[in-house]
Amino acid sequence: MPKVLTLTATPGEMKGLKASLTGLKPKNFIHELVETGPGKLNSALCLSKLLVESPVDLILGAGTAGSLELSLKAGDFLVSDEVVIGDWRMEDGASAQVAPYGSFDYGAIEERLERLVIHCDHPLTQKLIGRLGPEFLRGRILSSDTFVAGRSHKLNLGKLFGCRICEMEAGAIAHVARRSGNPAWLHLRVVADTLDDALDDYFHMEVDMAKILGERVAEVLAILDKEWSSLQG
């Protein structure tokens, strides 16, 4: 039977997802919910192990995120099939991408941006996105190993990489999937901290945002189950 894997990073996110998904009984696929631990290393190790143990038809990365633009507010929900892994150094006070992940491709970022983006063009992912309503916003993710804070820093990174939100695990999931036979993947993220919020603000809001996360992910899984046959065609 097909398998859908939902990965989340923190205990708070896991609690919100469990509360909404406990009664989930899909008819067309097996669903597994796994807490990976925060950060790209934890996510990469966990997903690699899971993919070795059994094949997966769709990987959903579910969690909270920070806004990189003015228009997004706490509670907004985004789906994304594009990730940039943002490991940067500081040059004259500005952030600069060192190289596409896993390479030594140095040079001007404007010349390399297309190669920095990890995109999922799997038909299942693209058809599922097409079934989601306007309340599911679209946008590229910046995936970093550190919590991104500071209004000007967030705005600069968003503009530099063409990303709407930032978080700490999506890049690993996309990278491992690309190295593991290219199964379908899609990221589901609720905005938990806006441009002026810091880490303490995130912890204050995590419970409420995790509840929204769980509700939205439940909606996506319900649509996926209902439309499964047509999404495979």
Foldseek 3Di string as FASTA:
>chain_A
DAEEEEEEEDPLLVVLQCVQCVPDDFDPYHYYYYHQHFFAVSQLVVVVVVCVVDPHQEYEYFEAWEFLDDPDDFFQKEKEQKEFAQDFDADPNATDRQAQPPDRDGDHCVVCLVVRMQGQPPLLQVVLVVVDDPSHHYWYEYAYRDDDAAQVNSNRVCVSNVTGIYGGHPVNVSVSCVVRVNRHYMYMYGYQHYHHDDPVSSVVRSNVSSNSRNVVVSVSVVCCSVCVVVSVD
